[in-house]
Amino acid sequence: MSSRRARGKILGAALFAVSIIVFIIYSYFTLATSFGLVILKITIVVAVGALLAVMAWIGYTMTTAPSNENNKD
């Protein structure tokens, strides 16, 4: 097995483990502490902000794209 593939497997296993650990911590703080509502609000704001940032980036890219004058429709 090449070292590149071994590194990829180690990175994959680390990402897998970290995602499960973060999910457990997130679930605990959301469901078992008094911070649940605040955490949900922050999560929603971040998710909506990320979606709107992607939409803004797409709009900016479409607006600033050079026009194709050779296309005669």
PDB file of N, CA and C in Angstrom:
ATOM      1  N   MET A   1       0.850  -1.175   0.000  1.00  0.00           N
ATOM      2  CA  MET A   1       0.000   0.000   0.000  1.00  0.00           C
ATOM      3  C   MET A   1       0.895   1.236   0.000  1.00  0.00           C
ATOM      4  N   SER A   2       0.586   2.182  -0.853  1.00  0.00           N
ATOM      5  CA  SER A   2       1.410   3.383  -0.931  1.00  0.00           C
ATOM      6  C   SER A   2       1.169   4.275   0.277  1.00  0.00           C
ATOM      7  N   SER A   3       2.138   5.141   0.553  1.00  0.00           N
ATOM      8  CA  SER A   3       2.002   6.020   1.705  1.00  0.00           C
ATOM      9  C   SER A   3       0.882   7.035   1.482  1.00  0.00           C
ATOM     10  N   ARG A   4       0.642   7.396   0.219  1.00  0.00           N
ATOM     11  CA  ARG A   4      -0.442   8.340  -0.076  1.00  0.00           C
ATOM     12  C   ARG A   4      -1.797   7.723   0.258  1.00  0.00           C
ATOM     13  N   ARG A   5      -1.959   6.454  -0.095  1.00  0.00           N
ATOM     14  CA  ARG A   5      -3.212   5.768   0.202  1.00  0.00           C
ATOM     15  C   ARG A   5      -3.375   5.558   1.707  1.00  0.00           C
ATOM     16  N   ALA A   6      -2.270   5.250   2.377  1.00  0.00           N
ATOM     17  CA  ALA A   6      -2.314   5.061   3.831  1.00  0.00           C
ATOM     18  C   ALA A   6      -2.702   6.365   4.522  1.00  0.00           C
ATOM     19  N   ARG A   7      -2.117   7.478   4.055  1.00  0.00           N
ATOM     20  CA  ARG A   7      -2.496   8.785   4.626  1.00  0.00           C
ATOM     21  C   ARG A   7      -3.961   9.073   4.392  1.00  0.00           C
ATOM     22  N   GLY A   8      -4.466   8.728   3.210  1.00  0.00           N
ATOM     23  CA  GLY A   8      -5.875   8.941   2.906  1.00  0.00           C
ATOM     24  C   GLY A   8      -6.783   8.132   3.809  1.00  0.00           C
ATOM     25  N   LYS A   9      -6.390   6.895   4.088  1.00  0.00           N
ATOM     26  CA  LYS A   9      -7.191   6.052   4.987  1.00  0.00           C
ATOM     27  C   LYS A   9      -7.164   6.598   6.413  1.00  0.00           C
ATOM     28  N   ILE A  10      -5.994   7.061   6.849  1.00  0.00           N
ATOM     29  CA  ILE A  10      -5.891   7.633   8.197  1.00  0.00           C
ATOM     30  C   ILE A  10      -6.728   8.898   8.291  1.00  0.00           C
ATOM     31  N   LEU A  11      -6.644   9.752   7.277  1.00  0.00           N
ATOM     32  CA  LEU A  11      -7.443  10.974   7.268  1.00  0.00           C
ATOM     33  C   LEU A  11      -8.937  10.645   7.242  1.00  0.00           C
ATOM     34  N   GLY A  12      -9.320   9.664   6.453  1.00  0.00           N
ATOM     35  CA  GLY A  12     -10.720   9.253   6.406  1.00  0.00           C
ATOM     36  C   GLY A  12     -11.213   8.750   7.746  1.00  0.00           C
ATOM     37  N   ALA A  13     -10.411   7.935   8.415  1.00  0.00           N
ATOM     38  CA  ALA A  13     -10.784   7.420   9.732  1.00  0.00           C
ATOM     39  C   ALA A  13     -10.873   8.552  10.752  1.00  0.00           C
ATOM     40  N   ALA A  14      -9.958   9.507  10.668  1.00  0.00           N
ATOM     41  CA  ALA A  14      -9.988  10.649  11.589  1.00  0.00           C
ATOM     42  C   ALA A  14     -11.239  11.498  11.353  1.00  0.00           C
ATOM     43  N   LEU A  15     -11.565  11.768  10.097  1.00  0.00           N
ATOM     44  CA  LEU A  15     -12.771  12.534   9.790  1.00  0.00           C
ATOM     45  C   LEU A  15     -14.022  11.812  10.277  1.00  0.00           C
ATOM     46  N   PHE A  16     -14.054  10.501  10.106  1.00  0.00           N
ATOM     47  CA  PHE A  16     -15.174   9.697  10.573  1.00  0.00           C
ATOM     48  C   PHE A  16     -15.328   9.813  12.081  1.00  0.00           C
ATOM     49  N   ALA A  17     -14.228   9.636  12.802  1.00  0.00           N
ATOM     50  CA  ALA A  17     -14.269   9.688  14.263  1.00  0.00           C
ATOM     51  C   ALA A  17     -14.636  11.081  14.766  1.00  0.00           C
ATOM     52  N   VAL A  18     -14.042  12.102  14.174  1.00  0.00           N
ATOM     53  CA  VAL A  18     -14.323  13.476  14.610  1.00  0.00           C
ATOM     54  C   VAL A  18     -15.780  13.827  14.360  1.00  0.00           C
ATOM     55  N   SER A  19     -16.335  13.419  13.220  1.00  0.00           N
ATOM     56  CA  SER A  19     -17.731  13.749  12.929  1.00  0.00           C
ATOM     57  C   SER A  19     -18.673  13.097  13.934  1.00  0.00           C
ATOM     58  N   ILE A  20     -18.383  11.865  14.334  1.00  0.00           N
ATOM     59  CA  ILE A  20     -19.230  11.196  15.329  1.00  0.00           C
ATOM     60  C   ILE A  20     -19.089  11.870  16.689  1.00  0.00           C
ATOM     61  N   ILE A  21     -17.873  12.212  17.076  1.00  0.00           N
ATOM     62  CA  ILE A  21     -17.654  12.867  18.368  1.00  0.00           C
ATOM     63  C   ILE A  21     -18.333  14.233  18.412  1.00  0.00           C
ATOM     64  N   VAL A  22     -18.195  15.017  17.342  1.00  0.00           N
ATOM     65  CA  VAL A  22     -18.829  16.342  17.301  1.00  0.00           C
ATOM     66  C   VAL A  22     -20.342  16.210  17.328  1.00  0.00           C
ATOM     67  N   PHE A  23     -20.898  15.205  16.638  1.00  0.00           N
ATOM     68  CA  PHE A  23     -22.341  14.989  16.673  1.00  0.00           C
ATOM     69  C   PHE A  23     -22.818  14.665  18.075  1.00  0.00           C
ATOM     70  N   ILE A  24     -22.084  13.827  18.785  1.00  0.00           N
ATOM     71  CA  ILE A  24     -22.467  13.474  20.154  1.00  0.00           C
ATOM     72  C   ILE A  24     -22.413  14.703  21.059  1.00  0.00           C
ATOM     73  N   ILE A  25     -21.358  15.498  20.936  1.00  0.00           N
ATOM     74  CA  ILE A  25     -21.240  16.717  21.751  1.00  0.00           C
ATOM     75  C   ILE A  25     -22.349  17.701  21.413  1.00  0.00           C
ATOM     76  N   TYR A  26     -22.609  17.891  20.107  1.00  0.00           N
ATOM     77  CA  TYR A  26     -23.673  18.801  19.668  1.00  0.00           C
ATOM     78  C   TYR A  26     -25.026  18.326  20.206  1.00  0.00           C
ATOM     79  N   SER A  27     -25.288  17.034  20.100  1.00  0.00           N
ATOM     80  CA  SER A  27     -26.552  16.494  20.590  1.00  0.00           C
ATOM     81  C   SER A  27     -26.688  16.680  22.093  1.00  0.00           C
ATOM     82  N   TYR A  28     -25.621  16.438  22.817  1.00  0.00           N
ATOM     83  CA  TYR A  28     -25.667  16.613  24.267  1.00  0.00           C
ATOM     84  C   TYR A  28     -25.999  18.055  24.634  1.00  0.00           C
ATOM     85  N   PHE A  29     -25.269  19.008  24.048  1.00  0.00           N
ATOM     86  CA  PHE A  29     -25.505  20.405  24.391  1.00  0.00           C
ATOM     87  C   PHE A  29     -26.879  20.882  23.925  1.00  0.00           C
ATOM     88  N   THR A  30     -27.378  20.336  22.828  1.00  0.00           N
ATOM     89  CA  THR A  30     -28.691  20.744  22.325  1.00  0.00           C
ATOM     90  C   THR A  30     -29.819  20.158  23.158  1.00  0.00           C
ATOM     91  N   LEU A  31     -29.694  18.907  23.563  1.00  0.00           N
ATOM     92  CA  LEU A  31     -30.813  18.223  24.212  1.00  0.00           C
ATOM     93  C   LEU A  31     -30.719  18.172  25.735  1.00  0.00           C
ATOM     94  N   ALA A  32     -29.531  18.209  26.291  1.00  0.00           N
ATOM     95  CA  ALA A  32     -29.395  17.940  27.724  1.00  0.00           C
ATOM     96  C   ALA A  32     -28.934  19.136  28.546  1.00  0.00           C
ATOM     97  N   THR A  33     -28.771  20.284  27.942  1.00  0.00           N
ATOM     98  CA  THR A  33     -28.355  21.462  28.715  1.00  0.00           C
ATOM     99  C   THR A  33     -29.341  22.600  28.495  1.00  0.00           C
ATOM    100  N   SER A  34     -29.157  23.644  29.252  1.00  0.00           N
ATOM    101  CA  SER A  34     -30.037  24.799  29.105  1.00  0.00           C
ATOM    102  C   SER A  34     -29.647  25.676  27.913  1.00  0.00           C
ATOM    103  N   PHE A  35     -28.571  25.313  27.209  1.00  0.00           N
ATOM    104  CA  PHE A  35     -28.130  26.073  26.050  1.00  0.00           C
ATOM    105  C   PHE A  35     -28.777  25.603  24.752  1.00  0.00           C
ATOM    106  N   GLY A  36     -29.697  24.654  24.818  1.00  0.00           N
ATOM    107  CA  GLY A  36     -30.270  24.043  23.628  1.00  0.00           C
ATOM    108  C   GLY A  36     -30.861  25.031  22.647  1.00  0.00           C
ATOM    109  N   LEU A  37     -31.678  25.955  23.135  1.00  0.00           N
ATOM    110  CA  LEU A  37     -32.336  26.913  22.248  1.00  0.00           C
ATOM    111  C   LEU A  37     -31.325  27.858  21.599  1.00  0.00           C
ATOM    112  N   VAL A  38     -30.347  28.291  22.361  1.00  0.00           N
ATOM    113  CA  VAL A  38     -29.311  29.176  21.823  1.00  0.00           C
ATOM    114  C   VAL A  38     -28.499  28.452  20.750  1.00  0.00           C
ATOM    115  N   ILE A  39     -28.155  27.202  21.001  1.00  0.00           N
ATOM    116  CA  ILE A  39     -27.388  26.433  20.031  1.00  0.00           C
ATOM    117  C   ILE A  39     -28.183  26.236  18.752  1.00  0.00           C
ATOM    118  N   LEU A  40     -29.474  25.939  18.869  1.00  0.00           N
ATOM    119  CA  LEU A  40     -30.309  25.790  17.683  1.00  0.00           C
ATOM    120  C   LEU A  40     -30.405  27.091  16.897  1.00  0.00           C
ATOM    121  N   LYS A  41     -30.548  28.200  17.601  1.00  0.00           N
ATOM    122  CA  LYS A  41     -30.601  29.499  16.918  1.00  0.00           C
ATOM    123  C   LYS A  41     -29.295  29.783  16.180  1.00  0.00           C
ATOM    124  N   ILE A  42     -28.175  29.527  16.826  1.00  0.00           N
ATOM    125  CA  ILE A  42     -26.876  29.749  16.182  1.00  0.00           C
ATOM    126  C   ILE A  42     -26.722  28.841  14.972  1.00  0.00           C
ATOM    127  N   THR A  43     -27.141  27.584  15.099  1.00  0.00           N
ATOM    128  CA  THR A  43     -27.047  26.641  13.985  1.00  0.00           C
ATOM    129  C   THR A  43     -27.861  27.119  12.792  1.00  0.00           C
ATOM    130  N   ILE A  44     -29.072  27.589  13.043  1.00  0.00           N
ATOM    131  CA  ILE A  44     -29.930  28.063  11.957  1.00  0.00           C
ATOM    132  C   ILE A  44     -29.339  29.301  11.306  1.00  0.00           C
ATOM    133  N   VAL A  45     -28.838  30.234  12.103  1.00  0.00           N
ATOM    134  CA  VAL A  45     -28.240  31.450  11.540  1.00  0.00           C
ATOM    135  C   VAL A  45     -27.023  31.105  10.680  1.00  0.00           C
ATOM    136  N   VAL A  46     -26.184  30.196  11.144  1.00  0.00           N
ATOM    137  CA  VAL A  46     -25.000  29.802  10.372  1.00  0.00           C
ATOM    138  C   VAL A  46     -25.415  29.101   9.083  1.00  0.00           C
ATOM    139  N   ALA A  47     -26.395  28.196   9.153  1.00  0.00           N
ATOM    140  CA  ALA A  47     -26.838  27.476   7.961  1.00  0.00           C
ATOM    141  C   ALA A  47     -27.460  28.420   6.928  1.00  0.00           C
ATOM    142  N   VAL A  48     -28.320  29.310   7.374  1.00  0.00           N
ATOM    143  CA  VAL A  48     -28.941  30.273   6.455  1.00  0.00           C
ATOM    144  C   VAL A  48     -27.886  31.222   5.901  1.00  0.00           C
ATOM    145  N   GLY A  49     -26.958  31.655   6.743  1.00  0.00           N
ATOM    146  CA  GLY A  49     -25.881  32.527   6.278  1.00  0.00           C
ATOM    147  C   GLY A  49     -25.017  31.855   5.222  1.00  0.00           C
ATOM    148  N   ALA A  50     -24.703  30.582   5.410  1.00  0.00           N
ATOM    149  CA  ALA A  50     -23.900  29.855   4.429  1.00  0.00           C
ATOM    150  C   ALA A  50     -24.656  29.713   3.116  1.00  0.00           C
ATOM    151  N   LEU A  51     -25.939  29.396   3.185  1.00  0.00           N
ATOM    152  CA  LEU A  51     -26.754  29.279   1.972  1.00  0.00           C
ATOM    153  C   LEU A  51     -26.824  30.606   1.226  1.00  0.00           C
ATOM    154  N   LEU A  52     -27.062  31.679   1.941  1.00  0.00           N
ATOM    155  CA  LEU A  52     -27.147  32.989   1.302  1.00  0.00           C
ATOM    156  C   LEU A  52     -25.792  33.451   0.772  1.00  0.00           C
ATOM    157  N   ALA A  53     -24.706  33.074   1.442  1.00  0.00           N
ATOM    158  CA  ALA A  53     -23.374  33.414   0.934  1.00  0.00           C
ATOM    159  C   ALA A  53     -23.106  32.701  -0.388  1.00  0.00           C
ATOM    160  N   VAL A  54     -23.506  31.448  -0.492  1.00  0.00           N
ATOM    161  CA  VAL A  54     -23.344  30.720  -1.757  1.00  0.00           C
ATOM    162  C   VAL A  54     -24.198  31.362  -2.848  1.00  0.00           C
ATOM    163  N   MET A  55     -25.428  31.735  -2.510  1.00  0.00           N
ATOM    164  CA  MET A  55     -26.293  32.389  -3.491  1.00  0.00           C
ATOM    165  C   MET A  55     -25.700  33.728  -3.937  1.00  0.00           C
ATOM    166  N   ALA A  56     -25.155  34.489  -2.997  1.00  0.00           N
ATOM    167  CA  ALA A  56     -24.536  35.772  -3.336  1.00  0.00           C
ATOM    168  C   ALA A  56     -23.320  35.567  -4.226  1.00  0.00           C
ATOM    169  N   TRP A  57     -22.521  34.554  -3.935  1.00  0.00           N
ATOM    170  CA  TRP A  57     -21.342  34.246  -4.744  1.00  0.00           C
ATOM    171  C   TRP A  57     -21.744  33.869  -6.163  1.00  0.00           C
ATOM    172  N   ILE A  58     -22.783  33.060  -6.304  1.00  0.00           N
ATOM    173  CA  ILE A  58     -23.268  32.695  -7.636  1.00  0.00           C
ATOM    174  C   ILE A  58     -23.766  33.931  -8.377  1.00  0.00           C
ATOM    175  N   GLY A  59     -24.524  34.776  -7.695  1.00  0.00           N
ATOM    176  CA  GLY A  59     -25.009  36.007  -8.315  1.00  0.00           C
ATOM    177  C   GLY A  59     -23.882  36.927  -8.732  1.00  0.00           C
ATOM    178  N   TYR A  60     -22.899  37.081  -7.884  1.00  0.00           N
ATOM    179  CA  TYR A  60     -21.744  37.922  -8.212  1.00  0.00           C
ATOM    180  C   TYR A  60     -20.996  37.369  -9.416  1.00  0.00           C
ATOM    181  N   THR A  61     -20.808  36.052  -9.431  1.00  0.00           N
ATOM    182  CA  THR A  61     -20.110  35.414 -10.546  1.00  0.00           C
ATOM    183  C   THR A  61     -20.879  35.604 -11.849  1.00  0.00           C
ATOM    184  N   MET A  62     -22.196  35.456 -11.790  1.00  0.00           N
ATOM    185  CA  MET A  62     -23.008  35.645 -12.995  1.00  0.00           C
ATOM    186  C   MET A  62     -22.985  37.101 -13.456  1.00  0.00           C
ATOM    187  N   THR A  63     -22.975  38.027 -12.521  1.00  0.00           N
ATOM    188  CA  THR A  63     -22.984  39.451 -12.855  1.00  0.00           C
ATOM    189  C   THR A  63     -21.668  39.908 -13.450  1.00  0.00           C
ATOM    190  N   THR A  64     -20.563  39.411 -12.921  1.00  0.00           N
ATOM    191  CA  THR A  64     -19.254  39.889 -13.358  1.00  0.00           C
ATOM    192  C   THR A  64     -18.626  39.031 -14.448  1.00  0.00           C
ATOM    193  N   ALA A  65     -19.321  37.992 -14.901  1.00  0.00           N
ATOM    194  CA  ALA A  65     -18.775  37.136 -15.951  1.00  0.00           C
ATOM    195  C   ALA A  65     -18.678  37.933 -17.245  1.00  0.00           C
ATOM    196  N   PRO A  66     -17.613  37.741 -17.990  1.00  0.00           N
ATOM    197  CA  PRO A  66     -17.496  38.470 -19.253  1.00  0.00           C
ATOM    198  C   PRO A  66     -18.569  38.006 -20.246  1.00  0.00           C
ATOM    199  N   SER A  67     -19.091  38.960 -20.989  1.00  0.00           N
ATOM    200  CA  SER A  67     -20.130  38.603 -21.943  1.00  0.00           C
ATOM    201  C   SER A  67     -19.505  37.954 -23.168  1.00  0.00           C
ATOM    202  N   ASN A  68     -20.254  37.085 -23.775  1.00  0.00           N
ATOM    203  CA  ASN A  68     -19.794  36.384 -24.966  1.00  0.00           C
ATOM    204  C   ASN A  68     -20.423  37.073 -26.176  1.00  0.00           C
ATOM    205  N   GLU A  69     -19.706  38.001 -26.782  1.00  0.00           N
ATOM    206  CA  GLU A  69     -20.223  38.789 -27.898  1.00  0.00           C
ATOM    207  C   GLU A  69     -20.309  37.982 -29.185  1.00  0.00           C
ATOM    208  N   ASN A  70     -19.625  36.845 -29.258  1.00  0.00           N
ATOM    209  CA  ASN A  70     -19.597  36.052 -30.487  1.00  0.00           C
ATOM    210  C   ASN A  70     -20.859  35.226 -30.683  1.00  0.00           C
ATOM    211  N   ASN A  71     -21.644  35.053 -29.633  1.00  0.00           N
ATOM    212  CA  ASN A  71     -22.857  34.248 -29.699  1.00  0.00           C
ATOM    213  C   ASN A  71     -23.977  35.065 -30.322  1.00  0.00           C
ATOM    214  N   LYS A  72     -24.429  34.680 -31.514  1.00  0.00           N
ATOM    215  CA  LYS A  72     -25.481  35.414 -32.244  1.00  0.00           C
ATOM    216  C   LYS A  72     -26.776  34.609 -32.187  1.00  0.00           C
ATOM    217  N   ASP A  73     -27.516  34.746 -31.097  1.00  0.00           N
ATOM    218  CA  ASP A  73     -28.800  34.037 -30.958  1.00  0.00           C
ATOM    219  C   ASP A  73     -29.917  34.793 -31.591  1.00  0.00           C
TER     220      ASP A  73
END
